[in-house]
Structures are given as structure tokens and as C-alpha cells.
Amino acid sequence: DPIAAILVALFVLRIGYLLSYKAANELLDISPPKEILNEITKIALSVKGIEHITDVKARKTGPYLIVDLKVEIYSQMTVVDSHHAVGLVKREIMRQMPDVTDVMTHVNPHIEHD
């Protein structure tokens, strides 16, 4: 009986640890896997006018993701056109990745460096 009690106790402790670890990750805004961030970058770069992605971050909100994206656009693009481009980025990311509920973008001009 003591051996069975120890085994049950270890099982309960293991389950408690796994549940606590998952809950802590949700509460602490742990970033999703690198593959997801790479997919977001790939989608954003597929939009015409987006020259470079300088930063991409995502955080979980329940079962969903909120994305923060810093993009560089063609430097001669008008404000209206750049607004349109980042709107397309947001729509494409949310269309291709249904677990993304919002994409917040910051736009900078793309300047070629020698």
C-alpha cells in the first residue's frame, strides 16, 4: 500500500506541475514558437510595398494571438498607400492564421544602407 500511495502522489504532483506550467505560460505572455513568427514575417513580406520587417512579436490572449509588427515600406510611398499596405498585411495575416485576432503595425520608411 505505501508504494501505491507514493506512485499516486507522484502522478498527482506531475499532473499539477504540467497544469501549473501551462497556466503560467498563458499568464506571462510567453512568445509563440519561432516557426509562427517566421510565418507572420513571410506573410507580411508577400504584400506589395513591404520592403523589410524589423521586428515581429506575438503574445497569447487565451487561445488567440495578438501580433506586433514593425515594417519598412518603400520610402517614396504616400501615407495613404502605406496605410493601405499595412491594412493588407493585417488582413492577410488574419486570413491565413485564424488564431490571430489583431495585428498592430508600426511603419517606417525603408532606407537603403551602403
PDB file of N, CA and C in Angstrom:
ATOM      1  N   ASP A   1       0.799  -1.216   0.000  1.00  0.00           N
ATOM      2  CA  ASP A   1       0.000   0.000   0.000  1.00  0.00           C
ATOM      3  C   ASP A   1       0.845   1.285   0.000  1.00  0.00           C
ATOM      4  N   PRO A   2       1.936   1.336   0.759  1.00  0.00           N
ATOM      5  CA  PRO A   2       2.750   2.549   0.742  1.00  0.00           C
ATOM      6  C   PRO A   2       3.336   2.835  -0.641  1.00  0.00           C
ATOM      7  N   ILE A   3       3.721   1.806  -1.377  1.00  0.00           N
ATOM      8  CA  ILE A   3       4.284   2.011  -2.714  1.00  0.00           C
ATOM      9  C   ILE A   3       3.218   2.562  -3.655  1.00  0.00           C
ATOM     10  N   ALA A   4       2.012   2.036  -3.566  1.00  0.00           N
ATOM     11  CA  ALA A   4       0.914   2.532  -4.394  1.00  0.00           C
ATOM     12  C   ALA A   4       0.610   3.984  -4.056  1.00  0.00           C
ATOM     13  N   ALA A   5       0.640   4.338  -2.781  1.00  0.00           N
ATOM     14  CA  ALA A   5       0.380   5.718  -2.357  1.00  0.00           C
ATOM     15  C   ALA A   5       1.444   6.664  -2.908  1.00  0.00           C
ATOM     16  N   ILE A   6       2.694   6.221  -2.894  1.00  0.00           N
ATOM     17  CA  ILE A   6       3.788   7.051  -3.434  1.00  0.00           C
ATOM     18  C   ILE A   6       3.604   7.245  -4.937  1.00  0.00           C
ATOM     19  N   LEU A   7       3.243   6.188  -5.650  1.00  0.00           N
ATOM     20  CA  LEU A   7       3.015   6.293  -7.091  1.00  0.00           C
ATOM     21  C   LEU A   7       1.864   7.246  -7.410  1.00  0.00           C
ATOM     22  N   VAL A   8       0.778   7.142  -6.655  1.00  0.00           N
ATOM     23  CA  VAL A   8      -0.358   8.050  -6.868  1.00  0.00           C
ATOM     24  C   VAL A   8       0.052   9.493  -6.565  1.00  0.00           C
ATOM     25  N   ALA A   9       0.811   9.680  -5.492  1.00  0.00           N
ATOM     26  CA  ALA A   9       1.266  11.027  -5.135  1.00  0.00           C
ATOM     27  C   ALA A   9       2.158  11.610  -6.231  1.00  0.00           C
ATOM     28  N   LEU A  10       3.060  10.805  -6.776  1.00  0.00           N
ATOM     29  CA  LEU A  10       3.925  11.272  -7.861  1.00  0.00           C
ATOM     30  C   LEU A  10       3.108  11.624  -9.106  1.00  0.00           C
ATOM     31  N   PHE A  11       2.126  10.806  -9.395  1.00  0.00           N
ATOM     32  CA  PHE A  11       1.245  11.071 -10.536  1.00  0.00           C
ATOM     33  C   PHE A  11       0.495  12.394 -10.348  1.00  0.00           C
ATOM     34  N   VAL A  12      -0.050  12.618  -9.172  1.00  0.00           N
ATOM     35  CA  VAL A  12      -0.780  13.858  -8.869  1.00  0.00           C
ATOM     36  C   VAL A  12       0.159  15.063  -8.948  1.00  0.00           C
ATOM     37  N   LEU A  13       1.370  14.914  -8.429  1.00  0.00           N
ATOM     38  CA  LEU A  13       2.341  16.014  -8.496  1.00  0.00           C
ATOM     39  C   LEU A  13       2.711  16.344  -9.942  1.00  0.00           C
ATOM     40  N   ARG A  14       2.901  15.314 -10.743  1.00  0.00           N
ATOM     41  CA  ARG A  14       3.246  15.534 -12.160  1.00  0.00           C
ATOM     42  C   ARG A  14       2.133  16.269 -12.898  1.00  0.00           C
ATOM     43  N   ILE A  15       0.905  15.836 -12.725  1.00  0.00           N
ATOM     44  CA  ILE A  15      -0.242  16.491 -13.362  1.00  0.00           C
ATOM     45  C   ILE A  15      -0.361  17.933 -12.874  1.00  0.00           C
ATOM     46  N   GLY A  16      -0.186  18.154 -11.578  1.00  0.00           N
ATOM     47  CA  GLY A  16      -0.239  19.509 -11.027  1.00  0.00           C
ATOM     48  C   GLY A  16       0.829  20.410 -11.619  1.00  0.00           C
ATOM     49  N   TYR A  17       2.032  19.876 -11.780  1.00  0.00           N
ATOM     50  CA  TYR A  17       3.127  20.653 -12.371  1.00  0.00           C
ATOM     51  C   TYR A  17       2.809  21.016 -13.823  1.00  0.00           C
ATOM     52  N   LEU A  18       2.355  20.040 -14.603  1.00  0.00           N
ATOM     53  CA  LEU A  18       2.062  20.297 -16.015  1.00  0.00           C
ATOM     54  C   LEU A  18       0.950  21.333 -16.179  1.00  0.00           C
ATOM     55  N   LEU A  19      -0.083  21.244 -15.373  1.00  0.00           N
ATOM     56  CA  LEU A  19      -1.174  22.228 -15.457  1.00  0.00           C
ATOM     57  C   LEU A  19      -0.711  23.615 -15.019  1.00  0.00           C
ATOM     58  N   SER A  20       0.090  23.675 -13.964  1.00  0.00           N
ATOM     59  CA  SER A  20       0.602  24.964 -13.481  1.00  0.00           C
ATOM     60  C   SER A  20       1.534  25.596 -14.503  1.00  0.00           C
ATOM     61  N   TYR A  21       2.380  24.784 -15.138  1.00  0.00           N
ATOM     62  CA  TYR A  21       3.323  25.289 -16.138  1.00  0.00           C
ATOM     63  C   TYR A  21       2.573  25.894 -17.322  1.00  0.00           C
ATOM     64  N   LYS A  22       1.557  25.194 -17.806  1.00  0.00           N
ATOM     65  CA  LYS A  22       0.766  25.698 -18.931  1.00  0.00           C
ATOM     66  C   LYS A  22       0.050  26.999 -18.552  1.00  0.00           C
ATOM     67  N   ALA A  23      -0.550  27.041 -17.366  1.00  0.00           N
ATOM     68  CA  ALA A  23      -1.260  28.246 -16.919  1.00  0.00           C
ATOM     69  C   ALA A  23      -0.293  29.421 -16.755  1.00  0.00           C
ATOM     70  N   ALA A  24       0.885  29.171 -16.217  1.00  0.00           N
ATOM     71  CA  ALA A  24       1.872  30.241 -16.031  1.00  0.00           C
ATOM     72  C   ALA A  24       2.318  30.800 -17.372  1.00  0.00           C
ATOM     73  N   ASN A  25       2.526  29.941 -18.354  1.00  0.00           N
ATOM     74  CA  ASN A  25       2.912  30.417 -19.683  1.00  0.00           C
ATOM     75  C   ASN A  25       1.836  31.305 -20.289  1.00  0.00           C
ATOM     76  N   GLU A  26       0.586  30.946 -20.102  1.00  0.00           N
ATOM     77  CA  GLU A  26      -0.520  31.764 -20.624  1.00  0.00           C
ATOM     78  C   GLU A  26      -0.540  33.127 -19.945  1.00  0.00           C
ATOM     79  N   LEU A  27      -0.319  33.153 -18.656  1.00  0.00           N
ATOM     80  CA  LEU A  27      -0.394  34.406 -17.899  1.00  0.00           C
ATOM     81  C   LEU A  27       0.817  35.311 -18.131  1.00  0.00           C
ATOM     82  N   LEU A  28       1.952  34.742 -18.468  1.00  0.00           N
ATOM     83  CA  LEU A  28       3.183  35.514 -18.596  1.00  0.00           C
ATOM     84  C   LEU A  28       3.485  35.966 -20.019  1.00  0.00           C
ATOM     85  N   ASP A  29       2.519  35.857 -20.929  1.00  0.00           N
ATOM     86  CA  ASP A  29       2.699  36.298 -22.316  1.00  0.00           C
ATOM     87  C   ASP A  29       3.923  35.665 -22.975  1.00  0.00           C
ATOM     88  N   ILE A  30       4.053  34.375 -22.844  1.00  0.00           N
ATOM     89  CA  ILE A  30       5.153  33.668 -23.487  1.00  0.00           C
ATOM     90  C   ILE A  30       4.984  33.769 -25.004  1.00  0.00           C
ATOM     91  N   SER A  31       6.070  34.055 -25.688  1.00  0.00           N
ATOM     92  CA  SER A  31       6.033  34.183 -27.139  1.00  0.00           C
ATOM     93  C   SER A  31       5.769  32.824 -27.778  1.00  0.00           C
ATOM     94  N   PRO A  32       5.046  32.816 -28.903  1.00  0.00           N
ATOM     95  CA  PRO A  32       4.813  31.546 -29.596  1.00  0.00           C
ATOM     96  C   PRO A  32       6.107  31.028 -30.227  1.00  0.00           C
ATOM     97  N   PRO A  33       6.093  29.806 -30.727  1.00  0.00           N
ATOM     98  CA  PRO A  33       7.301  29.246 -31.347  1.00  0.00           C
ATOM     99  C   PRO A  33       7.812  30.096 -32.514  1.00  0.00           C
ATOM    100  N   LYS A  34       9.112  30.010 -32.753  1.00  0.00           N
ATOM    101  CA  LYS A  34       9.777  30.783 -33.810  1.00  0.00           C
ATOM    102  C   LYS A  34       9.145  30.529 -35.177  1.00  0.00           C
ATOM    103  N   GLU A  35       8.639  29.321 -35.410  1.00  0.00           N
ATOM    104  CA  GLU A  35       8.021  28.993 -36.693  1.00  0.00           C
ATOM    105  C   GLU A  35       6.811  29.890 -36.972  1.00  0.00           C
ATOM    106  N   ILE A  36       6.049  30.183 -35.940  1.00  0.00           N
ATOM    107  CA  ILE A  36       4.872  31.045 -36.107  1.00  0.00           C
ATOM    108  C   ILE A  36       5.311  32.465 -36.446  1.00  0.00           C
ATOM    109  N   LEU A  37       6.331  32.963 -35.753  1.00  0.00           N
ATOM    110  CA  LEU A  37       6.832  34.311 -36.041  1.00  0.00           C
ATOM    111  C   LEU A  37       7.401  34.382 -37.454  1.00  0.00           C
ATOM    112  N   ASN A  38       8.069  33.314 -37.882  1.00  0.00           N
ATOM    113  CA  ASN A  38       8.598  33.272 -39.251  1.00  0.00           C
ATOM    114  C   ASN A  38       7.471  33.277 -40.281  1.00  0.00           C
ATOM    115  N   GLU A  39       6.387  32.574 -39.996  1.00  0.00           N
ATOM    116  CA  GLU A  39       5.239  32.550 -40.911  1.00  0.00           C
ATOM    117  C   GLU A  39       4.596  33.935 -41.010  1.00  0.00           C
ATOM    118  N   ILE A  40       4.484  34.637 -39.884  1.00  0.00           N
ATOM    119  CA  ILE A  40       3.943  36.001 -39.885  1.00  0.00           C
ATOM    120  C   ILE A  40       4.819  36.902 -40.756  1.00  0.00           C
ATOM    121  N   THR A  41       6.130  36.798 -40.596  1.00  0.00           N
ATOM    122  CA  THR A  41       7.071  37.595 -41.390  1.00  0.00           C
ATOM    123  C   THR A  41       6.912  37.289 -42.873  1.00  0.00           C
ATOM    124  N   LYS A  42       6.827  36.022 -43.211  1.00  0.00           N
ATOM    125  CA  LYS A  42       6.679  35.606 -44.605  1.00  0.00           C
ATOM    126  C   LYS A  42       5.405  36.184 -45.220  1.00  0.00           C
ATOM    127  N   ILE A  43       4.316  36.134 -44.485  1.00  0.00           N
ATOM    128  CA  ILE A  43       3.050  36.675 -44.990  1.00  0.00           C
ATOM    129  C   ILE A  43       3.172  38.178 -45.192  1.00  0.00           C
ATOM    130  N   ALA A  44       3.742  38.880 -44.221  1.00  0.00           N
ATOM    131  CA  ALA A  44       3.871  40.342 -44.317  1.00  0.00           C
ATOM    132  C   ALA A  44       4.731  40.745 -45.510  1.00  0.00           C
ATOM    133  N   LEU A  45       5.822  40.024 -45.731  1.00  0.00           N
ATOM    134  CA  LEU A  45       6.715  40.360 -46.844  1.00  0.00           C
ATOM    135  C   LEU A  45       6.103  40.060 -48.205  1.00  0.00           C
ATOM    136  N   SER A  46       5.048  39.274 -48.236  1.00  0.00           N
ATOM    137  CA  SER A  46       4.398  38.953 -49.511  1.00  0.00           C
ATOM    138  C   SER A  46       3.516  40.098 -50.015  1.00  0.00           C
ATOM    139  N   VAL A  47       3.267  41.093 -49.165  1.00  0.00           N
ATOM    140  CA  VAL A  47       2.410  42.226 -49.538  1.00  0.00           C
ATOM    141  C   VAL A  47       3.243  43.264 -50.273  1.00  0.00           C
ATOM    142  N   LYS A  48       2.727  43.710 -51.403  1.00  0.00           N
ATOM    143  CA  LYS A  48       3.426  44.708 -52.220  1.00  0.00           C
ATOM    144  C   LYS A  48       3.650  45.991 -51.412  1.00  0.00           C
ATOM    145  N   GLY A  49       4.870  46.499 -51.491  1.00  0.00           N
ATOM    146  CA  GLY A  49       5.220  47.735 -50.796  1.00  0.00           C
ATOM    147  C   GLY A  49       5.944  47.500 -49.485  1.00  0.00           C
ATOM    148  N   ILE A  50       5.836  46.305 -48.923  1.00  0.00           N
ATOM    149  CA  ILE A  50       6.547  45.995 -47.684  1.00  0.00           C
ATOM    150  C   ILE A  50       7.958  45.564 -48.065  1.00  0.00           C
ATOM    151  N   GLU A  51       8.943  46.345 -47.645  1.00  0.00           N
ATOM    152  CA  GLU A  51      10.331  46.097 -48.020  1.00  0.00           C
ATOM    153  C   GLU A  51      11.082  45.239 -47.003  1.00  0.00           C
ATOM    154  N   HIS A  52      10.764  45.424 -45.726  1.00  0.00           N
ATOM    155  CA  HIS A  52      11.536  44.745 -44.685  1.00  0.00           C
ATOM    156  C   HIS A  52      10.704  44.676 -43.410  1.00  0.00           C
ATOM    157  N   ILE A  53      10.894  43.629 -42.641  1.00  0.00           N
ATOM    158  CA  ILE A  53      10.274  43.513 -41.318  1.00  0.00           C
ATOM    159  C   ILE A  53      11.399  43.691 -40.307  1.00  0.00           C
ATOM    160  N   THR A  54      11.290  44.713 -39.464  1.00  0.00           N
ATOM    161  CA  THR A  54      12.357  44.956 -38.497  1.00  0.00           C
ATOM    162  C   THR A  54      12.094  44.274 -37.165  1.00  0.00           C
ATOM    163  N   ASP A  55      10.831  43.965 -36.864  1.00  0.00           N
ATOM    164  CA  ASP A  55      10.520  43.305 -35.592  1.00  0.00           C
ATOM    165  C   ASP A  55       9.157  42.651 -35.692  1.00  0.00           C
ATOM    166  N   VAL A  56       9.031  41.474 -35.150  1.00  0.00           N
ATOM    167  CA  VAL A  56       7.740  40.799 -35.061  1.00  0.00           C
ATOM    168  C   VAL A  56       7.650  40.146 -33.690  1.00  0.00           C
ATOM    169  N   LYS A  57       6.565  40.439 -33.004  1.00  0.00           N
ATOM    170  CA  LYS A  57       6.299  39.863 -31.692  1.00  0.00           C
ATOM    171  C   LYS A  57       4.854  39.389 -31.679  1.00  0.00           C
ATOM    172  N   ALA A  58       4.590  38.400 -30.879  1.00  0.00           N
ATOM    173  CA  ALA A  58       3.221  37.927 -30.717  1.00  0.00           C
ATOM    174  C   ALA A  58       3.048  37.476 -29.277  1.00  0.00           C
ATOM    175  N   ARG A  59       1.837  37.602 -28.796  1.00  0.00           N
ATOM    176  CA  ARG A  59       1.544  37.142 -27.442  1.00  0.00           C
ATOM    177  C   ARG A  59       0.169  36.492 -27.423  1.00  0.00           C
ATOM    178  N   LYS A  60       0.015  35.559 -26.533  1.00  0.00           N
ATOM    179  CA  LYS A  60      -1.249  34.836 -26.428  1.00  0.00           C
ATOM    180  C   LYS A  60      -2.243  35.625 -25.589  1.00  0.00           C
ATOM    181  N   THR A  61      -3.478  35.582 -26.036  1.00  0.00           N
ATOM    182  CA  THR A  61      -4.606  36.089 -25.269  1.00  0.00           C
ATOM    183  C   THR A  61      -5.645  34.983 -25.305  1.00  0.00           C
ATOM    184  N   GLY A  62      -5.663  34.172 -24.263  1.00  0.00           N
ATOM    185  CA  GLY A  62      -6.492  32.976 -24.298  1.00  0.00           C
ATOM    186  C   GLY A  62      -5.960  32.070 -25.390  1.00  0.00           C
ATOM    187  N   PRO A  63      -6.837  31.556 -26.243  1.00  0.00           N
ATOM    188  CA  PRO A  63      -6.371  30.675 -27.320  1.00  0.00           C
ATOM    189  C   PRO A  63      -5.889  31.436 -28.562  1.00  0.00           C
ATOM    190  N   TYR A  64      -5.910  32.758 -28.516  1.00  0.00           N
ATOM    191  CA  TYR A  64      -5.613  33.574 -29.685  1.00  0.00           C
ATOM    192  C   TYR A  64      -4.271  34.282 -29.558  1.00  0.00           C
ATOM    193  N   LEU A  65      -3.810  34.854 -30.683  1.00  0.00           N
ATOM    194  CA  LEU A  65      -2.562  35.608 -30.718  1.00  0.00           C
ATOM    195  C   LEU A  65      -2.830  37.056 -31.105  1.00  0.00           C
ATOM    196  N   ILE A  66      -2.076  37.965 -30.505  1.00  0.00           N
ATOM    197  CA  ILE A  66      -2.047  39.366 -30.909  1.00  0.00           C
ATOM    198  C   ILE A  66      -0.630  39.629 -31.412  1.00  0.00           C
ATOM    199  N   VAL A  67      -0.519  40.209 -32.594  1.00  0.00           N
ATOM    200  CA  VAL A  67       0.768  40.396 -33.256  1.00  0.00           C
ATOM    201  C   VAL A  67       1.156  41.872 -33.250  1.00  0.00           C
ATOM    202  N   ASP A  68       2.413  42.148 -32.926  1.00  0.00           N
ATOM    203  CA  ASP A  68       3.013  43.484 -33.051  1.00  0.00           C
ATOM    204  C   ASP A  68       4.074  43.382 -34.126  1.00  0.00           C
ATOM    205  N   LEU A  69       3.969  44.277 -35.109  1.00  0.00           N
ATOM    206  CA  LEU A  69       4.821  44.171 -36.287  1.00  0.00           C
ATOM    207  C   LEU A  69       5.401  45.537 -36.624  1.00  0.00           C
ATOM    208  N   LYS A  70       6.708  45.590 -36.852  1.00  0.00           N
ATOM    209  CA  LYS A  70       7.354  46.809 -37.343  1.00  0.00           C
ATOM    210  C   LYS A  70       7.781  46.541 -38.774  1.00  0.00           C
ATOM    211  N   VAL A  71       7.257  47.337 -39.692  1.00  0.00           N
ATOM    212  CA  VAL A  71       7.543  47.133 -41.113  1.00  0.00           C
ATOM    213  C   VAL A  71       8.225  48.361 -41.694  1.00  0.00           C
ATOM    214  N   GLU A  72       9.034  48.112 -42.716  1.00  0.00           N
ATOM    215  CA  GLU A  72       9.607  49.197 -43.500  1.00  0.00           C
ATOM    216  C   GLU A  72       8.962  49.133 -44.878  1.00  0.00           C
ATOM    217  N   ILE A  73       8.542  50.309 -45.350  1.00  0.00           N
ATOM    218  CA  ILE A  73       7.898  50.398 -46.656  1.00  0.00           C
ATOM    219  C   ILE A  73       8.778  51.211 -47.603  1.00  0.00           C
ATOM    220  N   TYR A  74       8.472  51.106 -48.872  1.00  0.00           N
ATOM    221  CA  TYR A  74       9.149  51.907 -49.885  1.00  0.00           C
ATOM    222  C   TYR A  74       9.094  53.368 -49.456  1.00  0.00           C
ATOM    223  N   SER A  75      10.234  54.029 -49.392  1.00  0.00           N
ATOM    224  CA  SER A  75      10.320  55.372 -48.797  1.00  0.00           C
ATOM    225  C   SER A  75       9.549  56.448 -49.547  1.00  0.00           C
ATOM    226  N   GLN A  76       9.248  56.228 -50.830  1.00  0.00           N
ATOM    227  CA  GLN A  76       8.523  57.234 -51.597  1.00  0.00           C
ATOM    228  C   GLN A  76       6.997  56.991 -51.589  1.00  0.00           C
ATOM    229  N   MET A  77       6.565  56.007 -50.849  1.00  0.00           N
ATOM    230  CA  MET A  77       5.140  55.679 -50.789  1.00  0.00           C
ATOM    231  C   MET A  77       4.388  56.755 -50.006  1.00  0.00           C
ATOM    232  N   THR A  78       3.191  57.103 -50.474  1.00  0.00           N
ATOM    233  CA  THR A  78       2.388  58.102 -49.775  1.00  0.00           C
ATOM    234  C   THR A  78       1.843  57.514 -48.481  1.00  0.00           C
ATOM    235  N   VAL A  79       1.382  58.377 -47.610  1.00  0.00           N
ATOM    236  CA  VAL A  79       0.786  57.932 -46.350  1.00  0.00           C
ATOM    237  C   VAL A  79      -0.435  57.060 -46.621  1.00  0.00           C
ATOM    238  N   VAL A  80      -1.243  57.468 -47.591  1.00  0.00           N
ATOM    239  CA  VAL A  80      -2.443  56.695 -47.935  1.00  0.00           C
ATOM    240  C   VAL A  80      -2.056  55.306 -48.425  1.00  0.00           C
ATOM    241  N   ASP A  81      -1.055  55.232 -49.307  1.00  0.00           N
ATOM    242  CA  ASP A  81      -0.623  53.942 -49.825  1.00  0.00           C
ATOM    243  C   ASP A  81       0.001  53.064 -48.736  1.00  0.00           C
ATOM    244  N   SER A  82       0.769  53.675 -47.845  1.00  0.00           N
ATOM    245  CA  SER A  82       1.380  52.887 -46.773  1.00  0.00           C
ATOM    246  C   SER A  82       0.312  52.365 -45.809  1.00  0.00           C
ATOM    247  N   HIS A  83      -0.704  53.186 -45.559  1.00  0.00           N
ATOM    248  CA  HIS A  83      -1.817  52.746 -44.709  1.00  0.00           C
ATOM    249  C   HIS A  83      -2.545  51.576 -45.367  1.00  0.00           C
ATOM    250  N   HIS A  84      -2.728  51.662 -46.665  1.00  0.00           N
ATOM    251  CA  HIS A  84      -3.367  50.580 -47.413  1.00  0.00           C
ATOM    252  C   HIS A  84      -2.522  49.297 -47.338  1.00  0.00           C
ATOM    253  N   ALA A  85      -1.202  49.431 -47.494  1.00  0.00           N
ATOM    254  CA  ALA A  85      -0.308  48.271 -47.468  1.00  0.00           C
ATOM    255  C   ALA A  85      -0.357  47.557 -46.117  1.00  0.00           C
ATOM    256  N   VAL A  86      -0.295  48.308 -45.025  1.00  0.00           N
ATOM    257  CA  VAL A  86      -0.324  47.644 -43.717  1.00  0.00           C
ATOM    258  C   VAL A  86      -1.716  47.077 -43.418  1.00  0.00           C
ATOM    259  N   GLY A  87      -2.747  47.685 -43.990  1.00  0.00           N
ATOM    260  CA  GLY A  87      -4.083  47.092 -43.879  1.00  0.00           C
ATOM    261  C   GLY A  87      -4.137  45.735 -44.568  1.00  0.00           C
ATOM    262  N   LEU A  88      -3.487  45.637 -45.732  1.00  0.00           N
ATOM    263  CA  LEU A  88      -3.409  44.350 -46.432  1.00  0.00           C
ATOM    264  C   LEU A  88      -2.603  43.335 -45.632  1.00  0.00           C
ATOM    265  N   VAL A  89      -1.529  43.789 -44.999  1.00  0.00           N
ATOM    266  CA  VAL A  89      -0.724  42.902 -44.152  1.00  0.00           C
ATOM    267  C   VAL A  89      -1.602  42.318 -43.049  1.00  0.00           C
ATOM    268  N   LYS A  90      -2.336  43.180 -42.372  1.00  0.00           N
ATOM    269  CA  LYS A  90      -3.205  42.732 -41.284  1.00  0.00           C
ATOM    270  C   LYS A  90      -4.235  41.723 -41.791  1.00  0.00           C
ATOM    271  N   ARG A  91      -4.892  42.038 -42.885  1.00  0.00           N
ATOM    272  CA  ARG A  91      -5.922  41.135 -43.416  1.00  0.00           C
ATOM    273  C   ARG A  91      -5.338  39.789 -43.831  1.00  0.00           C
ATOM    274  N   GLU A  92      -4.166  39.811 -44.476  1.00  0.00           N
ATOM    275  CA  GLU A  92      -3.557  38.561 -44.937  1.00  0.00           C
ATOM    276  C   GLU A  92      -3.121  37.686 -43.764  1.00  0.00           C
ATOM    277  N   ILE A  93      -2.526  38.291 -42.755  1.00  0.00           N
ATOM    278  CA  ILE A  93      -2.114  37.514 -41.587  1.00  0.00           C
ATOM    279  C   ILE A  93      -3.337  36.898 -40.910  1.00  0.00           C
ATOM    280  N   MET A  94      -4.385  37.692 -40.719  1.00  0.00           N
ATOM    281  CA  MET A  94      -5.577  37.180 -40.048  1.00  0.00           C
ATOM    282  C   MET A  94      -6.316  36.158 -40.912  1.00  0.00           C
ATOM    283  N   ARG A  95      -6.234  36.283 -42.227  1.00  0.00           N
ATOM    284  CA  ARG A  95      -6.886  35.321 -43.112  1.00  0.00           C
ATOM    285  C   ARG A  95      -6.153  33.982 -43.104  1.00  0.00           C
ATOM    286  N   GLN A  96      -4.822  34.050 -43.152  1.00  0.00           N
ATOM    287  CA  GLN A  96      -4.035  32.821 -43.232  1.00  0.00           C
ATOM    288  C   GLN A  96      -3.776  32.172 -41.874  1.00  0.00           C
ATOM    289  N   MET A  97      -3.935  32.949 -40.817  1.00  0.00           N
ATOM    290  CA  MET A  97      -3.694  32.426 -39.464  1.00  0.00           C
ATOM    291  C   MET A  97      -4.915  32.750 -38.597  1.00  0.00           C
ATOM    292  N   PRO A  98      -5.917  31.892 -38.607  1.00  0.00           N
ATOM    293  CA  PRO A  98      -7.188  32.174 -37.924  1.00  0.00           C
ATOM    294  C   PRO A  98      -7.073  32.407 -36.417  1.00  0.00           C
ATOM    295  N   ASP A  99      -5.993  31.953 -35.793  1.00  0.00           N
ATOM    296  CA  ASP A  99      -5.841  32.174 -34.352  1.00  0.00           C
ATOM    297  C   ASP A  99      -5.320  33.572 -34.021  1.00  0.00           C
ATOM    298  N   VAL A 100      -4.971  34.368 -35.042  1.00  0.00           N
ATOM    299  CA  VAL A 100      -4.546  35.758 -34.828  1.00  0.00           C
ATOM    300  C   VAL A 100      -5.787  36.646 -34.822  1.00  0.00           C
ATOM    301  N   THR A 101      -5.978  37.383 -33.721  1.00  0.00           N
ATOM    302  CA  THR A 101      -7.170  38.238 -33.602  1.00  0.00           C
ATOM    303  C   THR A 101      -6.884  39.707 -33.872  1.00  0.00           C
ATOM    304  N   ASP A 102      -5.607  40.120 -33.800  1.00  0.00           N
ATOM    305  CA  ASP A 102      -5.279  41.512 -34.086  1.00  0.00           C
ATOM    306  C   ASP A 102      -3.817  41.616 -34.503  1.00  0.00           C
ATOM    307  N   VAL A 103      -3.555  42.555 -35.401  1.00  0.00           N
ATOM    308  CA  VAL A 103      -2.192  42.845 -35.850  1.00  0.00           C
ATOM    309  C   VAL A 103      -1.994  44.348 -35.732  1.00  0.00           C
ATOM    310  N   MET A 104      -1.062  44.742 -34.890  1.00  0.00           N
ATOM    311  CA  MET A 104      -0.740  46.155 -34.730  1.00  0.00           C
ATOM    312  C   MET A 104       0.574  46.419 -35.448  1.00  0.00           C
ATOM    313  N   THR A 105       0.577  47.408 -36.329  1.00  0.00           N
ATOM    314  CA  THR A 105       1.765  47.671 -37.136  1.00  0.00           C
ATOM    315  C   THR A 105       2.319  49.066 -36.874  1.00  0.00           C
ATOM    316  N   HIS A 106       3.625  49.147 -36.947  1.00  0.00           N
ATOM    317  CA  HIS A 106       4.334  50.421 -36.897  1.00  0.00           C
ATOM    318  C   HIS A 106       5.097  50.524 -38.215  1.00  0.00           C
ATOM    319  N   VAL A 107       4.941  51.639 -38.904  1.00  0.00           N
ATOM    320  CA  VAL A 107       5.511  51.802 -40.238  1.00  0.00           C
ATOM    321  C   VAL A 107       6.706  52.752 -40.203  1.00  0.00           C
ATOM    322  N   ASN A 108       7.787  52.329 -40.837  1.00  0.00           N
ATOM    323  CA  ASN A 108       8.974  53.160 -41.033  1.00  0.00           C
ATOM    324  C   ASN A 108       9.335  53.146 -42.510  1.00  0.00           C
ATOM    325  N   PRO A 109       9.949  54.224 -43.013  1.00  0.00           N
ATOM    326  CA  PRO A 109      10.411  54.197 -44.407  1.00  0.00           C
ATOM    327  C   PRO A 109      11.623  53.299 -44.535  1.00  0.00           C
ATOM    328  N   HIS A 110      11.709  52.614 -45.650  1.00  0.00           N
ATOM    329  CA  HIS A 110      12.865  51.754 -45.926  1.00  0.00           C
ATOM    330  C   HIS A 110      13.945  52.602 -46.582  1.00  0.00           C
ATOM    331  N   ILE A 111      15.089  52.662 -45.944  1.00  0.00           N
ATOM    332  CA  ILE A 111      16.220  53.430 -46.457  1.00  0.00           C
ATOM    333  C   ILE A 111      17.358  52.473 -46.726  1.00  0.00           C
ATOM    334  N   GLU A 112      17.861  52.486 -47.946  1.00  0.00           N
ATOM    335  CA  GLU A 112      18.980  51.615 -48.315  1.00  0.00           C
ATOM    336  C   GLU A 112      20.233  52.096 -47.588  1.00  0.00           C
ATOM    337  N   HIS A 113      20.942  51.161 -46.998  1.00  0.00           N
ATOM    338  CA  HIS A 113      22.208  51.465 -46.320  1.00  0.00           C
ATOM    339  C   HIS A 113      23.332  50.824 -47.105  1.00  0.00           C
ATOM    340  N   ASP A 114      24.430  51.560 -47.283  1.00  0.00           N
ATOM    341  CA  ASP A 114      25.594  51.012 -48.020  1.00  0.00           C
ATOM    342  C   ASP A 114      26.409  50.118 -47.144  1.00  0.00           C
TER     343      ASP A 114
END
